[in-house]
């Protein structure tokens, strides 16, 4: 009956660590909730679309107003009167898709002639026309209210990429790989605290910031090598880098530093190595799922998108994809860059404050 005694002992050990137990029992529930909220029939975020009204007639203006009233669409201001303006913003990534209402639209409607519309989009996101065409067709037919032949011509803006899926996947997986630093760094700090190493260091004149940055410094080369590996393997798999490689590298490096700061924060708060190493995965996997690592967040409900927008990971993925696939420059991703830097500074400052409190206690 020795196995029974061993079993009882291990059962007690399991229940003594509620975080590990919650991880075992809670992870399937987290996956169920994430998938159900993300793809479970709730209203998805409206599709942002530009409008080019070359006709500029009363009828075309009324049609634009009709499009603006549809909840499934979010007409991006301003309404363009020249296709060249919209085309320029499509090339820079400021627009992902636009609808062209050609000259003669109002006259064709009045005379019940065939209507031709053009939908231009960036081929880096082939899901866009699948979402836009049914909505625009339904709105147009309801607006016309007569059986006029309607043709929506699709036009891709060519991007010199070999594999659209790889160009979408690699930036997301690179950010996911850097997020593994969170439990790794947190586990090291808790392990040192359990061995008494941190206690001995606290008897020295070192400041809290010295501890935080001292634990962070060795991981900086790890971030650099990791990003180089992710991008290098991506290139071998067919990743096409259209934009500035250095700028993409900078974005991934900053999100890596941010992950270091989160790991330090975790290591300060966690009570055991199991908590620091296991518990973060309850949050990492769902965050990666809603941040667009594996599928576009535009397909998710607005509440999920809002949560993802508040975190830095979506901004890192979007900025990296925009640079790599669209050739976007610094001016177009400045907001994302500042958001990442802000998150990193706040996280490290919070880590220093909490570590100071733990030293006093």
Protein backbone atom coordinates (compact mmCIF):
# COMPACT_ATOMS: atom_id res chain seq x y z
CA UNK A 1 0.00 0.00 0.00
CA UNK A 2 3.00 2.28 -0.31
CA UNK A 3 1.59 3.73 -3.52
CA UNK A 4 -1.43 4.87 -1.49
CA UNK A 5 0.75 6.75 0.98
CA UNK A 6 2.77 8.31 -1.86
CA UNK A 7 -0.46 9.23 -3.61
CA UNK A 8 -1.85 10.94 -0.48
CA UNK A 9 1.36 12.89 -0.07
CA UNK A 10 1.31 14.13 -3.68
CA UNK A 11 -2.38 14.94 -3.42
CA UNK A 12 -1.66 17.16 -0.42
CA UNK A 13 1.19 18.84 -2.31
CA UNK A 14 -1.12 19.54 -5.21
CA UNK A 15 -3.79 21.15 -3.06
CA UNK A 16 -1.20 23.18 -1.17
CA UNK A 17 -0.49 25.08 -4.38
CA UNK A 18 -3.82 26.59 -5.40
CA UNK A 19 -2.23 28.51 -8.28
CA UNK A 20 -0.99 25.32 -9.96
CA UNK A 21 -4.36 23.68 -9.35
CA UNK A 22 -6.16 26.67 -10.83
CA UNK A 23 -3.87 26.45 -13.86
CA UNK A 24 -4.82 22.79 -14.41
CA UNK A 25 -8.53 23.36 -13.97
CA UNK A 26 -8.85 26.88 -15.32
CA UNK A 27 -6.92 26.78 -18.60
CA UNK A 28 -9.61 24.83 -20.53
CA UNK A 29 -12.24 27.23 -19.19
CA UNK A 30 -10.15 30.22 -20.29
CA UNK A 31 -9.86 28.77 -23.80
CA UNK A 32 -13.61 28.16 -23.97
CA UNK A 33 -14.39 31.71 -22.87
CA UNK A 34 -11.87 33.30 -25.24
CA UNK A 35 -13.05 31.35 -28.27
CA UNK A 36 -16.72 31.88 -27.46
CA UNK A 37 -16.34 35.64 -26.96
CA UNK A 38 -14.01 36.08 -29.92
CA UNK A 39 -15.97 34.03 -32.44
CA UNK A 40 -19.26 33.29 -30.74
CA UNK A 41 -21.70 35.37 -32.74
CA UNK A 42 -21.34 38.71 -30.98
CA UNK A 43 -21.23 41.82 -33.11
CA UNK A 44 -17.77 42.19 -34.60
CA UNK A 45 -15.88 45.43 -34.85
CA UNK A 46 -17.03 47.57 -37.81
CA UNK A 47 -14.88 47.39 -40.91
CA UNK A 48 -13.01 50.66 -41.43
CA UNK A 49 -13.33 51.68 -45.08
CA UNK A 50 -12.45 54.77 -47.10
CA UNK A 51 -14.85 56.27 -49.65
CA UNK A 52 -13.82 57.98 -52.89
CA UNK A 53 -16.75 59.94 -54.35
CA UNK A 54 -15.65 61.04 -57.81
CA UNK A 55 -19.24 61.68 -58.89
CA UNK A 56 -20.01 64.24 -56.16
CA UNK A 57 -23.69 64.31 -57.09
CA UNK A 58 -26.69 64.45 -54.77
CA UNK A 59 -27.32 60.77 -55.41
CA UNK A 60 -23.72 59.73 -54.66
CA UNK A 61 -23.76 61.86 -51.49
CA UNK A 62 -26.98 60.15 -50.39
CA UNK A 63 -25.38 56.77 -51.09
CA UNK A 64 -22.35 57.69 -48.94
CA UNK A 65 -24.69 58.78 -46.13
CA UNK A 66 -26.41 55.42 -46.40
CA UNK A 67 -23.07 53.63 -46.08
CA UNK A 68 -22.18 55.73 -43.02
CA UNK A 69 -25.40 54.65 -41.28
CA UNK A 70 -24.55 50.94 -41.50
CA UNK A 71 -23.20 49.55 -38.17
CA UNK A 72 -21.03 46.98 -39.97
CA UNK A 73 -19.03 49.74 -41.67
CA UNK A 74 -16.95 52.55 -40.24
CA UNK A 75 -16.42 55.12 -42.96
CA UNK A 76 -13.02 56.70 -42.39
CA UNK A 77 -12.99 60.49 -42.77
CA UNK A 78 -12.59 62.38 -44.95
CA UNK A 79 -14.64 61.46 -48.04
CA UNK A 80 -12.08 61.60 -50.85
CA UNK A 81 -12.84 63.31 -54.16
CA UNK A 82 -9.71 61.97 -55.83
CA UNK A 83 -8.66 58.35 -56.12
CA UNK A 84 -5.00 59.33 -55.93
CA UNK A 85 -5.44 60.53 -52.33
CA UNK A 86 -6.94 57.22 -51.22
CA UNK A 87 -4.38 55.27 -53.21
CA UNK A 88 -1.54 57.07 -51.44
CA UNK A 89 -2.96 56.25 -48.01
CA UNK A 90 -3.54 52.64 -49.08
CA UNK A 91 0.14 52.39 -50.01
CA UNK A 92 1.27 53.83 -46.65
CA UNK A 93 -1.05 51.59 -44.64
CA UNK A 94 -3.28 54.40 -43.34
CA UNK A 95 -6.15 52.82 -45.30
CA UNK A 96 -6.65 49.10 -45.74
CA UNK A 97 -9.59 49.26 -48.16
CA UNK A 98 -11.63 51.88 -50.00
CA UNK A 99 -14.72 52.04 -52.22
CA UNK A 100 -14.61 54.06 -55.44
CA UNK A 101 -17.87 55.66 -56.59
CA UNK A 102 -17.06 56.61 -60.21
CA UNK A 103 -18.17 59.59 -62.21
CA UNK A 104 -21.58 59.07 -63.76
CA UNK A 105 -22.88 57.09 -60.77
CA UNK A 106 -25.85 59.46 -60.19
CA UNK A 107 -26.73 59.55 -63.87
CA UNK A 108 -26.62 55.75 -64.11
CA UNK A 109 -28.97 55.46 -61.13
CA UNK A 110 -31.41 57.98 -62.62
CA UNK A 111 -31.50 56.16 -65.97
CA UNK A 112 -31.51 52.71 -64.37
CA UNK A 113 -28.31 51.70 -66.09
CA UNK A 114 -25.76 49.19 -64.86
CA UNK A 115 -23.80 50.38 -61.81
CA UNK A 116 -20.05 49.77 -61.54
CA UNK A 117 -18.26 50.20 -58.20
CA UNK A 118 -14.62 49.47 -57.45
CA UNK A 119 -13.29 48.09 -54.18
CA UNK A 120 -9.53 48.49 -53.76
CA UNK A 121 -7.68 46.75 -50.96
CA UNK A 122 -4.25 45.64 -49.92
CA UNK A 123 -3.58 42.03 -50.83
CA UNK A 124 -1.70 41.57 -47.55
CA UNK A 125 -5.14 41.10 -45.94
CA UNK A 126 -7.21 38.91 -48.31
CA UNK A 127 -10.07 38.70 -45.77
CA UNK A 128 -11.10 42.33 -46.34
CA UNK A 129 -13.18 41.89 -49.53
CA UNK A 130 -14.93 38.87 -48.03
CA UNK A 131 -16.23 41.13 -45.28
CA UNK A 132 -16.87 44.24 -47.35
CA UNK A 133 -18.52 42.99 -50.56
CA UNK A 134 -21.68 41.44 -49.02
CA UNK A 135 -22.32 44.54 -46.90
CA UNK A 136 -21.75 47.03 -49.73
CA UNK A 137 -23.87 44.97 -52.13
CA UNK A 138 -26.73 44.79 -49.63
CA UNK A 139 -26.57 48.53 -48.92
CA UNK A 140 -26.39 49.41 -52.61
CA UNK A 141 -29.36 47.23 -53.57
CA UNK A 142 -31.43 48.62 -50.70
CA UNK A 143 -30.44 52.18 -51.67
CA UNK A 144 -31.30 51.67 -55.34
CA UNK A 145 -34.55 49.89 -54.45
CA UNK A 146 -34.81 48.72 -58.06
CA UNK A 147 -33.27 45.70 -59.82
CA UNK A 148 -30.40 47.58 -61.48
CA UNK A 149 -27.40 45.40 -62.42
CA UNK A 150 -24.66 46.02 -59.87
CA UNK A 151 -21.04 45.10 -60.39
CA UNK A 152 -18.41 45.45 -57.64
CA UNK A 153 -14.95 45.12 -59.14
CA UNK A 154 -12.18 44.02 -56.79
CA UNK A 155 -8.71 45.45 -57.26
CA UNK A 156 -5.73 44.36 -55.22
CA UNK A 157 -2.89 46.70 -54.44
CA UNK A 158 0.10 44.50 -55.15
CA UNK A 159 2.61 43.88 -52.42
CA UNK A 160 5.85 42.11 -53.25
CA UNK A 161 5.49 39.27 -50.78
CA UNK A 162 6.00 35.57 -51.35
CA UNK A 163 3.61 34.19 -48.75
CA UNK A 164 0.82 36.29 -47.21
CA UNK A 165 0.29 33.82 -44.37
CA UNK A 166 3.96 33.77 -43.36
CA UNK A 167 4.09 37.58 -43.40
CA UNK A 168 1.10 37.62 -41.08
CA UNK A 169 2.27 34.76 -38.84
CA UNK A 170 5.92 35.57 -38.12
CA UNK A 171 5.44 38.96 -36.35
CA UNK A 172 2.74 37.46 -34.12
CA UNK A 173 4.82 34.42 -33.25
CA UNK A 174 7.87 36.63 -32.58
CA UNK A 175 5.92 38.61 -29.99
CA UNK A 176 4.57 35.37 -28.52
CA UNK A 177 8.12 34.01 -28.27
CA UNK A 178 9.27 37.13 -26.43
CA UNK A 179 6.37 36.78 -23.99
CA UNK A 180 7.99 33.53 -22.79
CA UNK A 181 10.48 35.80 -21.03
CA UNK A 182 7.76 36.73 -18.53
CA UNK A 183 7.63 33.41 -16.63
CA UNK A 184 11.35 32.79 -17.20
CA UNK A 185 12.49 36.01 -15.55
CA UNK A 186 9.89 35.79 -12.79
CA UNK A 187 10.92 32.21 -11.98
CA UNK A 188 14.59 33.17 -11.64
CA UNK A 189 13.82 35.98 -9.20
CA UNK A 190 11.61 33.77 -7.04
CA UNK A 191 14.20 30.99 -7.09
CA UNK A 192 16.92 33.37 -5.88
CA UNK A 193 14.62 34.64 -3.16
CA UNK A 194 13.86 31.08 -2.01
CA UNK A 195 17.58 30.27 -1.83
CA UNK A 196 18.27 33.38 0.23
CA UNK A 197 20.40 34.99 -2.48
CA UNK A 198 18.21 38.08 -2.66
CA UNK A 199 18.17 38.38 1.12
CA UNK A 200 21.94 38.51 1.17
CA UNK A 201 22.01 41.07 -1.62
CA UNK A 202 19.59 43.26 0.32
CA UNK A 203 22.19 43.67 3.04
CA UNK A 204 24.37 45.54 0.55
CA UNK A 205 23.98 49.26 -0.33
CA UNK A 206 22.35 48.33 -3.67
CA UNK A 207 19.15 50.21 -4.55
CA UNK A 208 15.90 48.59 -5.80
CA UNK A 209 16.60 49.87 -9.31
CA UNK A 210 19.99 48.10 -9.19
CA UNK A 211 18.24 44.78 -8.54
CA UNK A 212 15.64 45.29 -11.28
CA UNK A 213 18.10 46.38 -13.94
CA UNK A 214 20.68 43.86 -12.77
CA UNK A 215 18.26 41.01 -13.41
CA UNK A 216 17.19 42.56 -16.73
CA UNK A 217 20.63 43.18 -18.22
CA UNK A 218 21.58 39.52 -18.91
CA UNK A 219 18.36 39.06 -20.88
CA UNK A 220 19.00 41.93 -23.30
CA UNK A 221 21.33 39.80 -25.49
CA UNK A 222 18.73 37.02 -25.29
CA UNK A 223 16.14 39.40 -26.75
CA UNK A 224 18.48 40.48 -29.54
CA UNK A 225 19.35 36.90 -30.47
CA UNK A 226 15.71 35.78 -30.20
CA UNK A 227 14.45 38.52 -32.54
CA UNK A 228 17.25 37.73 -35.01
CA UNK A 229 16.30 34.04 -34.92
CA UNK A 230 12.58 34.70 -35.38
CA UNK A 231 13.13 37.00 -38.36
CA UNK A 232 15.86 34.79 -39.82
CA UNK A 233 13.74 31.64 -39.66
CA UNK A 234 10.84 33.67 -41.06
CA UNK A 235 12.94 34.65 -44.08
CA UNK A 236 13.86 31.00 -44.63
CA UNK A 237 10.15 30.15 -44.52
CA UNK A 238 9.27 32.81 -47.09
CA UNK A 239 8.96 36.02 -45.06
CA UNK A 240 9.22 39.05 -47.36
CA UNK A 241 10.54 42.18 -45.67
CA UNK A 242 9.36 45.18 -47.68
CA UNK A 243 10.03 47.91 -45.12
CA UNK A 244 12.92 48.89 -42.87
CA UNK A 245 14.28 45.79 -41.14
CA UNK A 246 15.95 47.89 -38.43
CA UNK A 247 12.66 49.57 -37.54
CA UNK A 248 10.89 46.21 -37.29
CA UNK A 249 13.75 44.94 -35.13
CA UNK A 250 13.38 47.99 -32.86
CA UNK A 251 9.67 47.35 -32.30
CA UNK A 252 10.28 43.71 -31.37
CA UNK A 253 13.21 44.69 -29.13
CA UNK A 254 11.06 47.17 -27.19
CA UNK A 255 8.24 44.67 -26.64
CA UNK A 256 10.91 42.21 -25.46
CA UNK A 257 12.15 44.73 -22.89
CA UNK A 258 8.54 45.32 -21.84
CA UNK A 259 8.12 41.57 -21.30
CA UNK A 260 11.26 41.65 -19.12
CA UNK A 261 9.65 44.33 -16.97
CA UNK A 262 6.46 42.32 -16.62
CA UNK A 263 8.56 39.32 -15.60
CA UNK A 264 10.32 41.40 -12.94
CA UNK A 265 6.97 42.56 -11.63
CA UNK A 266 5.77 38.97 -11.51
CA UNK A 267 8.93 37.84 -9.71
CA UNK A 268 8.39 40.51 -7.06
CA UNK A 269 4.75 39.52 -6.42
CA UNK A 270 4.89 35.72 -6.76
CA UNK A 271 5.15 33.63 -3.59
CA UNK A 272 6.63 30.49 -5.15
CA UNK A 273 8.54 29.43 -8.26
CA UNK A 274 5.49 27.46 -9.39
CA UNK A 275 3.39 30.62 -9.29
CA UNK A 276 5.97 32.62 -11.22
CA UNK A 277 6.54 29.94 -13.88
CA UNK A 278 3.09 28.41 -14.28
CA UNK A 279 0.49 31.05 -13.47
CA UNK A 280 1.49 33.53 -16.24
CA UNK A 281 0.46 31.05 -18.92
CA UNK A 282 -3.16 31.46 -17.80
CA UNK A 283 -2.86 35.01 -19.10
CA UNK A 284 -0.22 34.73 -21.84
CA UNK A 285 -2.11 32.30 -24.08
CA UNK A 286 -5.43 34.22 -24.01
CA UNK A 287 -3.63 37.55 -24.52
CA UNK A 288 -1.80 36.15 -27.54
CA UNK A 289 -5.09 34.83 -28.90
CA UNK A 290 -6.89 38.17 -28.68
CA UNK A 291 -3.89 40.22 -29.81
CA UNK A 292 -3.92 38.89 -33.36
CA UNK A 293 -1.00 36.46 -33.32
CA UNK A 294 -2.93 33.75 -35.18
CA UNK A 295 -5.97 35.50 -36.68
CA UNK A 296 -7.08 39.10 -37.35
CA UNK A 297 -8.57 40.90 -34.36
CA UNK A 298 -10.97 42.70 -36.72
CA UNK A 299 -13.05 39.51 -36.70
CA UNK A 300 -13.54 39.75 -32.95
CA UNK A 301 -16.16 41.72 -30.99
CA UNK A 302 -15.36 45.33 -30.15
CA UNK A 303 -15.02 44.57 -26.42
CA UNK A 304 -12.25 42.03 -27.15
CA UNK A 305 -10.56 44.49 -29.48
CA UNK A 306 -10.70 47.17 -26.77
CA UNK A 307 -8.98 44.86 -24.29
CA UNK A 308 -6.29 44.00 -26.85
CA UNK A 309 -5.84 47.71 -27.69
CA UNK A 310 -5.11 48.49 -24.04
CA UNK A 311 -2.22 46.01 -23.96
CA UNK A 312 1.11 46.54 -25.75
CA UNK A 313 1.25 43.25 -27.64
CA UNK A 314 -1.31 44.09 -30.34
CA UNK A 315 0.49 47.38 -31.02
CA UNK A 316 3.79 45.53 -31.43
CA UNK A 317 2.27 42.99 -33.85
CA UNK A 318 0.42 45.59 -35.92
CA UNK A 319 3.44 47.89 -36.18
CA UNK A 320 5.79 45.03 -37.13
CA UNK A 321 3.39 43.69 -39.76
CA UNK A 322 2.88 47.16 -41.18
CA UNK A 323 6.63 47.74 -41.49
CA UNK A 324 7.48 44.32 -42.88
CA UNK A 325 4.58 43.85 -45.30
CA UNK A 326 3.54 47.38 -46.30
CA UNK A 327 6.85 49.18 -46.00
CA UNK A 328 5.36 51.63 -43.49
CA UNK A 329 7.75 54.25 -42.19
CA UNK A 330 8.36 55.64 -38.72
CA UNK A 331 5.78 58.42 -39.08
CA UNK A 332 2.93 55.92 -39.56
CA UNK A 333 3.77 53.78 -36.52
CA UNK A 334 4.81 56.57 -34.15
CA UNK A 335 1.73 56.12 -31.93
CA UNK A 336 2.37 52.39 -31.58
CA UNK A 337 6.03 53.04 -30.81
CA UNK A 338 5.23 55.62 -28.13
CA UNK A 339 2.63 53.30 -26.62
CA UNK A 340 5.20 50.50 -26.32
CA UNK A 341 7.79 52.82 -24.78
CA UNK A 342 5.20 54.17 -22.34
CA UNK A 343 4.19 50.68 -21.25
CA UNK A 344 7.83 49.70 -20.74
CA UNK A 345 8.67 52.76 -18.64
CA UNK A 346 5.57 52.36 -16.46
CA UNK A 347 6.17 48.64 -15.91
CA UNK A 348 9.78 49.13 -14.83
CA UNK A 349 8.88 52.06 -12.58
CA UNK A 350 6.17 49.96 -10.94
CA UNK A 351 8.64 47.10 -10.54
CA UNK A 352 11.12 49.35 -8.72
CA UNK A 353 8.39 50.65 -6.38
CA UNK A 354 7.12 47.18 -5.49
CA UNK A 355 10.64 45.81 -5.05
CA UNK A 356 11.44 48.68 -2.67
CA UNK A 357 8.40 47.77 -0.59
CA UNK A 358 9.41 44.11 -0.52
CA UNK A 359 12.90 45.12 0.70
CA UNK A 360 11.40 47.14 3.54
CA UNK A 361 9.15 44.28 4.59
